[in-house]
Amino acid sequence: MRGVWLEDGHLRFRQDLPEPRPGPNEALVRVRLAGICGTDLELVRGYYPFRGIPGHEFVGEVVEAADPHWVGRRVVGEINVVCHTCDMCQRGFPRHCRNRTVVGILDRDGAFAEYLTLPLENLHPVPDHVSDEQAVFTEPLAAVLEILEQVHIRPTDKVLLIGAGRLGQLIARVVRLTGAEIHVVVRRERAARPLRMLGIPTLNGDDLPEGVWDVVIEATGNPEGLALARRALRPRGTLVLKSTYAGHGTLDFSRIVVDEQTLVGSRCGPFPPALRLLSLGLVDPRDLIDGVYPLEQAEAAFAHAARPGMLKVLLRP
């Protein structure tokens, strides 16, 4: 099988990978399109010692499954494969399963290859009128919707988003649907343009009002955004952290205590609402695609995605 292999921070294209075989209640999925996200870039930088095929944002087609009604269907897949028996699964928090594997991130090969396997319970059919280029955004869009699962954002709230990259662009589009007043801190004109096209105001960090925002969402992908987010948040406000990156950030926890602020970590989210937003056309992320590469050019694709200001770069196996 052709695919992309990551080991010791080195990424390379290979043509000798074994084709995966689906286990009981699993499906073999032919990958049609896969997206490079910030976590993939951070894995290369050493965020987590992953060895294998990276990639977790994908749309594919089922080519083999124990349940034949899945065969031939276009699907997207939830990335956490869980045990159903640990205490977290039993308490209704399977995304935090203590024995989980995570597609392309933790002990499970991912989507930057011709094929991958997933349990049938992880798969979601893609509506016929949703294109591959839209469906490939399902996983990050679901991660954005997790914010709304965790935090009640009201139409009267003042929301600040720090970071207008791959994930930030989707966050801005979703939060706008709540009716809240949202502003986005943007460093580059390339990232500001699609926001302004949607009527979403942008700011730079220098003229940022401090201590006035009800909800601040930090999605810069670097630790520098943390201090800015803390200063912007009002007393008793909520700070949502969406960044994962190599290294450690710092926060003034004394100020968080004194100002009685709420700190929320936010990771994976629900797929059905994400597919519904795409199906209804309430979010259409295709304008965020900056490039599409074949697998053979994966190194060039990663280099493209790592350039400052780039948004979504895709791989087409």
Protein backbone atom coordinates (compact mmCIF):
# COMPACT_ATOMS: atom_id res chain seq x y z
CA MET A 1 0.00 0.00 0.00
CA ARG A 2 1.09 3.56 -0.69
CA GLY A 3 1.11 5.91 2.26
CA VAL A 4 2.91 8.46 4.39
CA TRP A 5 5.09 7.22 7.25
CA LEU A 6 6.11 9.28 10.28
CA GLU A 7 8.93 8.15 12.56
CA ASP A 8 11.26 10.15 14.84
CA GLY A 9 9.95 13.39 13.39
CA HIS A 10 10.75 12.34 9.81
CA LEU A 11 7.98 12.13 7.23
CA ARG A 12 8.34 10.12 4.03
CA PHE A 13 6.26 8.56 1.28
CA ARG A 14 6.35 4.76 1.11
CA GLN A 15 4.99 2.20 -1.36
CA ASP A 16 5.65 -0.91 0.75
CA LEU A 17 3.16 -0.51 3.60
CA PRO A 18 0.94 -3.53 4.35
CA GLU A 19 -2.69 -3.04 3.45
CA PRO A 20 -4.72 -3.09 6.68
CA ARG A 21 -7.25 -5.83 7.30
CA PRO A 22 -10.51 -5.04 9.09
CA GLY A 23 -11.22 -6.88 12.33
CA PRO A 24 -14.63 -7.98 13.61
CA ASN A 25 -17.20 -5.18 13.28
CA GLU A 26 -14.71 -3.05 11.37
CA ALA A 27 -14.65 -1.68 7.84
CA LEU A 28 -11.90 -1.26 5.28
CA VAL A 29 -12.14 2.28 3.95
CA ARG A 30 -10.52 3.58 0.77
CA VAL A 31 -9.44 7.15 1.49
CA ARG A 32 -10.72 9.64 -1.08
CA LEU A 33 -9.42 12.85 0.50
CA ALA A 34 -7.55 13.69 3.72
CA GLY A 35 -6.68 16.97 5.40
CA ILE A 36 -3.47 18.13 7.06
CA CYS A 37 -4.23 19.87 10.35
CA GLY A 38 -2.21 21.66 12.99
CA THR A 39 -1.93 18.50 15.09
CA ASP A 40 -0.30 16.66 12.17
CA LEU A 41 2.27 19.44 11.87
CA GLU A 42 2.90 19.32 15.62
CA LEU A 43 3.40 15.54 15.49
CA VAL A 44 6.26 16.13 13.07
CA ARG A 45 7.67 18.68 15.54
CA GLY A 46 7.48 16.18 18.40
CA TYR A 47 4.15 16.98 20.07
CA TYR A 48 3.66 13.23 20.67
CA PRO A 49 6.02 10.33 19.85
CA PHE A 50 3.79 8.82 17.15
CA ARG A 51 5.19 6.19 14.79
CA GLY A 52 3.06 5.14 11.84
CA ILE A 53 0.69 6.63 9.29
CA PRO A 54 -0.58 10.04 10.46
CA GLY A 55 -3.75 11.83 9.41
CA HIS A 56 -7.20 11.87 11.00
CA GLU A 57 -9.34 14.17 8.84
CA PHE A 58 -10.71 12.17 5.93
CA VAL A 59 -13.60 11.19 3.71
CA GLY A 60 -13.55 7.72 2.17
CA GLU A 61 -15.51 4.87 0.68
CA VAL A 62 -16.19 1.55 2.40
CA VAL A 63 -14.85 -1.32 0.29
CA GLU A 64 -15.21 -4.17 2.80
CA ALA A 65 -17.33 -4.63 5.92
CA ALA A 66 -19.01 -7.37 7.93
CA ASP A 67 -22.30 -5.53 7.40
CA PRO A 68 -22.70 -5.42 3.60
CA HIS A 69 -25.03 -2.41 3.60
CA TRP A 70 -21.98 -0.21 4.33
CA VAL A 71 -20.06 -1.32 1.22
CA GLY A 72 -19.88 1.42 -1.39
CA ARG A 73 -20.96 4.19 0.95
CA ARG A 74 -19.03 7.42 1.35
CA VAL A 75 -18.17 7.92 5.00
CA VAL A 76 -16.32 10.04 7.50
CA GLY A 77 -15.02 8.55 10.73
CA GLU A 78 -14.73 9.48 14.38
CA ILE A 79 -11.11 9.17 15.41
CA ASN A 80 -11.34 7.72 18.94
CA VAL A 81 -11.58 3.91 19.01
CA VAL A 82 -12.77 2.93 22.46
CA CYS A 83 -13.05 -0.14 24.71
CA HIS A 84 -16.59 0.41 26.12
CA THR A 85 -15.51 -1.24 29.39
CA CYS A 86 -13.32 1.24 31.28
CA ASP A 87 -14.73 3.64 33.88
CA MET A 88 -14.77 6.61 31.48
CA CYS A 89 -16.66 4.67 28.82
CA GLN A 90 -19.11 3.39 31.44
CA ARG A 91 -19.67 6.94 32.71
CA GLY A 92 -20.58 8.13 29.21
CA PHE A 93 -17.28 9.76 28.25
CA PRO A 94 -15.95 7.40 25.54
CA ARG A 95 -13.77 10.09 23.92
CA HIS A 96 -11.74 9.87 27.13
CA CYS A 97 -11.58 6.08 27.13
CA ARG A 98 -8.53 5.01 29.11
CA ASN A 99 -7.70 2.34 26.53
CA ARG A 100 -8.49 4.31 23.39
CA THR A 101 -6.50 4.43 20.22
CA VAL A 102 -6.73 7.56 18.09
CA VAL A 103 -6.57 7.54 14.30
CA GLY A 104 -3.22 8.88 13.13
CA ILE A 105 -2.28 10.13 16.60
CA LEU A 106 -2.16 7.34 19.19
CA ASP A 107 -1.42 3.66 18.46
CA ARG A 108 -3.55 3.51 15.27
CA ASP A 109 -2.57 4.21 11.67
CA GLY A 110 -4.30 7.12 10.04
CA ALA A 111 -5.66 8.49 6.80
CA PHE A 112 -2.56 9.53 4.85
CA ALA A 113 -2.62 6.26 2.91
CA GLU A 114 -4.77 4.46 0.39
CA TYR A 115 -6.72 2.55 3.04
CA LEU A 116 -7.51 2.58 6.76
CA THR A 117 -9.72 0.50 9.06
CA LEU A 118 -12.25 1.68 11.62
CA PRO A 119 -15.03 0.11 13.66
CA LEU A 120 -18.43 0.44 11.99
CA GLU A 121 -19.67 2.36 15.02
CA ASN A 122 -17.17 5.12 14.20
CA LEU A 123 -18.47 5.66 10.67
CA HIS A 124 -21.03 8.24 9.52
CA PRO A 125 -22.53 8.27 6.01
CA VAL A 126 -21.95 11.43 3.99
CA PRO A 127 -25.06 12.93 2.34
CA ASP A 128 -24.94 12.61 -1.44
CA HIS A 129 -25.04 16.37 -2.05
CA VAL A 130 -22.07 17.05 0.27
CA SER A 131 -18.87 16.97 -1.78
CA ASP A 132 -15.64 15.27 -0.72
CA GLU A 133 -14.07 18.72 -0.40
CA GLN A 134 -16.74 19.65 2.15
CA ALA A 135 -16.92 16.29 3.93
CA VAL A 136 -13.18 16.22 4.64
CA PHE A 137 -13.80 19.09 7.10
CA THR A 138 -16.22 17.02 9.21
CA GLU A 139 -13.73 16.09 11.94
CA PRO A 140 -12.41 19.61 12.59
CA LEU A 141 -15.94 21.02 12.33
CA ALA A 142 -17.05 18.49 14.94
CA ALA A 143 -14.18 19.63 17.16
CA VAL A 144 -15.47 23.19 16.83
CA LEU A 145 -18.99 22.11 17.80
CA GLU A 146 -17.57 20.60 20.99
CA ILE A 147 -17.15 24.20 22.18
CA LEU A 148 -20.92 24.69 22.01
CA GLU A 149 -21.41 21.37 23.83
CA GLN A 150 -19.21 22.63 26.67
CA VAL A 151 -19.98 26.36 26.84
CA HIS A 152 -23.34 28.11 26.54
CA ILE A 153 -22.60 30.99 24.17
CA ARG A 154 -25.52 33.44 24.21
CA PRO A 155 -26.51 35.84 21.42
CA THR A 156 -25.69 38.69 23.83
CA ASP A 157 -22.14 37.48 24.54
CA LYS A 158 -18.98 39.19 23.37
CA VAL A 159 -16.71 36.45 22.04
CA LEU A 160 -13.05 36.84 21.12
CA LEU A 161 -11.29 34.24 18.99
CA ILE A 162 -7.50 34.35 19.04
CA GLY A 163 -6.14 32.57 16.00
CA ALA A 164 -7.54 32.53 12.47
CA GLY A 165 -5.82 29.44 11.10
CA ARG A 166 -7.30 26.15 9.94
CA LEU A 167 -9.41 25.58 13.02
CA GLY A 168 -9.98 29.23 13.85
CA GLN A 169 -11.70 29.89 10.53
CA LEU A 170 -14.23 27.15 11.30
CA ILE A 171 -14.69 28.34 14.89
CA ALA A 172 -15.55 31.84 13.67
CA ARG A 173 -18.18 30.51 11.25
CA VAL A 174 -19.84 28.33 13.88
CA VAL A 175 -19.84 30.91 16.68
CA ARG A 176 -21.36 33.44 14.29
CA LEU A 177 -24.39 31.13 13.96
CA THR A 178 -25.14 31.60 17.68
CA GLY A 179 -25.81 35.32 17.13
CA ALA A 180 -23.02 36.28 19.53
CA GLU A 181 -20.81 39.27 18.77
CA ILE A 182 -17.53 37.72 17.64
CA HIS A 183 -14.21 39.36 16.84
CA VAL A 184 -11.11 37.52 15.65
CA VAL A 185 -7.49 38.38 16.36
CA VAL A 186 -5.67 38.00 13.03
CA ARG A 187 -1.99 38.45 12.22
CA ARG A 188 -2.06 37.99 8.43
CA GLU A 189 -4.18 39.45 5.68
CA ARG A 190 -4.56 36.02 4.05
CA ALA A 191 -6.45 34.80 7.12
CA ALA A 192 -8.45 38.01 7.54
CA ARG A 193 -9.87 37.98 4.01
CA PRO A 194 -12.32 35.05 4.31
CA LEU A 195 -13.54 36.38 7.66
CA ARG A 196 -14.27 39.82 6.27
CA MET A 197 -16.11 38.24 3.34
CA LEU A 198 -18.48 36.80 5.95
CA GLY A 199 -18.79 40.08 7.81
CA ILE A 200 -16.76 38.90 10.82
CA PRO A 201 -14.70 41.77 12.34
CA THR A 202 -10.97 41.29 12.83
CA LEU A 203 -8.51 42.83 15.28
CA ASN A 204 -4.78 42.73 15.84
CA GLY A 205 -3.24 42.00 19.20
CA ASP A 206 -1.99 45.58 19.64
CA ASP A 207 -5.40 47.29 19.74
CA LEU A 208 -7.17 44.56 21.69
CA PRO A 209 -9.51 45.72 24.48
CA GLU A 210 -8.55 43.88 27.66
CA GLY A 211 -10.77 42.41 30.34
CA VAL A 212 -14.06 42.85 28.45
CA TRP A 213 -14.77 39.58 26.62
CA ASP A 214 -17.32 37.09 27.99
CA VAL A 215 -15.76 34.12 26.17
CA VAL A 216 -12.25 33.92 24.73
CA ILE A 217 -11.30 30.99 22.47
CA GLU A 218 -7.58 30.37 22.06
CA ALA A 219 -6.73 28.60 18.80
CA THR A 220 -3.36 30.00 17.79
CA GLY A 221 -1.47 26.71 17.94
CA ASN A 222 1.33 28.38 19.89
CA PRO A 223 1.82 29.24 23.58
CA GLU A 224 2.00 33.00 22.96
CA GLY A 225 -1.76 33.13 22.50
CA LEU A 226 -2.40 32.03 26.09
CA ALA A 227 -1.25 35.20 27.82
CA LEU A 228 -3.15 37.36 25.34
CA ALA A 229 -6.30 35.31 25.91
CA ARG A 230 -6.04 35.64 29.68
CA ARG A 231 -5.67 39.42 29.51
CA ALA A 232 -8.64 39.78 27.17
CA LEU A 233 -11.04 37.78 29.34
CA ARG A 234 -13.32 39.60 31.79
CA PRO A 235 -13.70 38.52 35.42
CA ARG A 236 -15.92 35.41 35.65
CA GLY A 237 -15.49 34.86 31.92
CA THR A 238 -14.70 31.58 30.18
CA LEU A 239 -11.44 30.73 28.41
CA VAL A 240 -11.64 27.85 25.91
CA LEU A 241 -8.35 26.21 24.92
CA LYS A 242 -8.27 24.58 21.48
CA SER A 243 -4.50 24.52 20.80
CA THR A 244 -2.26 21.48 20.92
CA TYR A 245 1.44 22.03 20.34
CA ALA A 246 4.87 20.76 21.18
CA GLY A 247 6.27 22.31 24.35
CA HIS A 248 4.53 24.05 27.25
CA GLY A 249 2.65 27.29 27.70
CA THR A 250 2.36 29.44 30.84
CA LEU A 251 -0.59 31.15 32.47
CA ASP A 252 -0.96 33.52 35.42
CA PHE A 253 -3.08 31.18 37.51
CA SER A 254 -3.27 33.65 40.39
CA ARG A 255 -5.16 36.05 38.13
CA ILE A 256 -7.49 33.24 37.07
CA VAL A 257 -8.24 32.60 40.74
CA VAL A 258 -8.72 36.26 41.64
CA ASP A 259 -10.92 36.92 38.59
CA GLU A 260 -12.83 33.65 39.10
CA GLN A 261 -12.41 32.68 35.47
CA THR A 262 -13.35 29.32 33.99
CA LEU A 263 -10.75 27.38 31.99
CA VAL A 264 -12.11 24.79 29.51
CA GLY A 265 -10.04 22.33 27.52
CA SER A 266 -11.78 21.29 24.31
CA ARG A 267 -10.85 18.49 21.93
CA CYS A 268 -12.98 16.17 19.75
CA GLY A 269 -16.66 16.72 19.08
CA PRO A 270 -19.91 15.30 17.65
CA PHE A 271 -20.05 14.27 13.99
CA PRO A 272 -23.84 14.30 13.28
CA PRO A 273 -24.25 18.06 13.93
CA ALA A 274 -21.17 18.77 11.82
CA LEU A 275 -22.58 16.80 8.89
CA ARG A 276 -25.90 18.59 9.32
CA LEU A 277 -24.26 22.03 9.12
CA LEU A 278 -22.46 20.94 5.94
CA SER A 279 -25.62 19.38 4.50
CA LEU A 280 -27.72 22.52 5.11
CA GLY A 281 -25.02 24.79 3.72
CA LEU A 282 -24.77 26.71 7.01
CA VAL A 283 -21.01 26.15 6.90
CA ASP A 284 -19.19 25.73 3.59
CA PRO A 285 -15.43 25.50 4.16
CA ARG A 286 -14.28 24.93 0.58
CA ASP A 287 -12.86 28.45 0.30
CA LEU A 288 -10.32 27.49 2.98
CA ILE A 289 -8.56 24.94 0.75
CA ASP A 290 -5.10 26.22 -0.19
CA GLY A 291 -3.85 23.16 -2.07
CA VAL A 292 -4.43 19.52 -3.00
CA TYR A 293 -1.52 17.09 -3.42
CA PRO A 294 -1.16 13.42 -4.32
CA LEU A 295 0.29 11.13 -1.65
CA GLU A 296 3.59 10.98 -3.50
CA GLN A 297 4.04 14.70 -2.78
CA ALA A 298 3.23 14.48 0.93
CA GLU A 299 6.45 16.16 2.02
CA ALA A 300 5.73 19.11 -0.27
CA ALA A 301 2.14 19.18 1.03
CA PHE A 302 3.36 19.35 4.65
CA ALA A 303 5.82 22.09 3.74
CA HIS A 304 2.99 24.01 2.08
CA ALA A 305 0.72 23.56 5.12
CA ALA A 306 3.51 24.75 7.45
CA ARG A 307 3.94 28.09 5.70
CA PRO A 308 2.73 31.07 7.74
CA GLY A 309 -0.86 31.99 6.93
CA MET A 310 -1.74 28.79 5.09
CA LEU A 311 -5.15 27.26 5.74
CA LYS A 312 -6.18 23.76 4.60
CA VAL A 313 -3.92 21.55 2.48
CA LEU A 314 -5.35 18.20 1.35
CA LEU A 315 -3.91 14.88 0.23
CA ARG A 316 -5.70 12.84 -2.44
CA PRO A 317 -4.65 9.16 -2.39
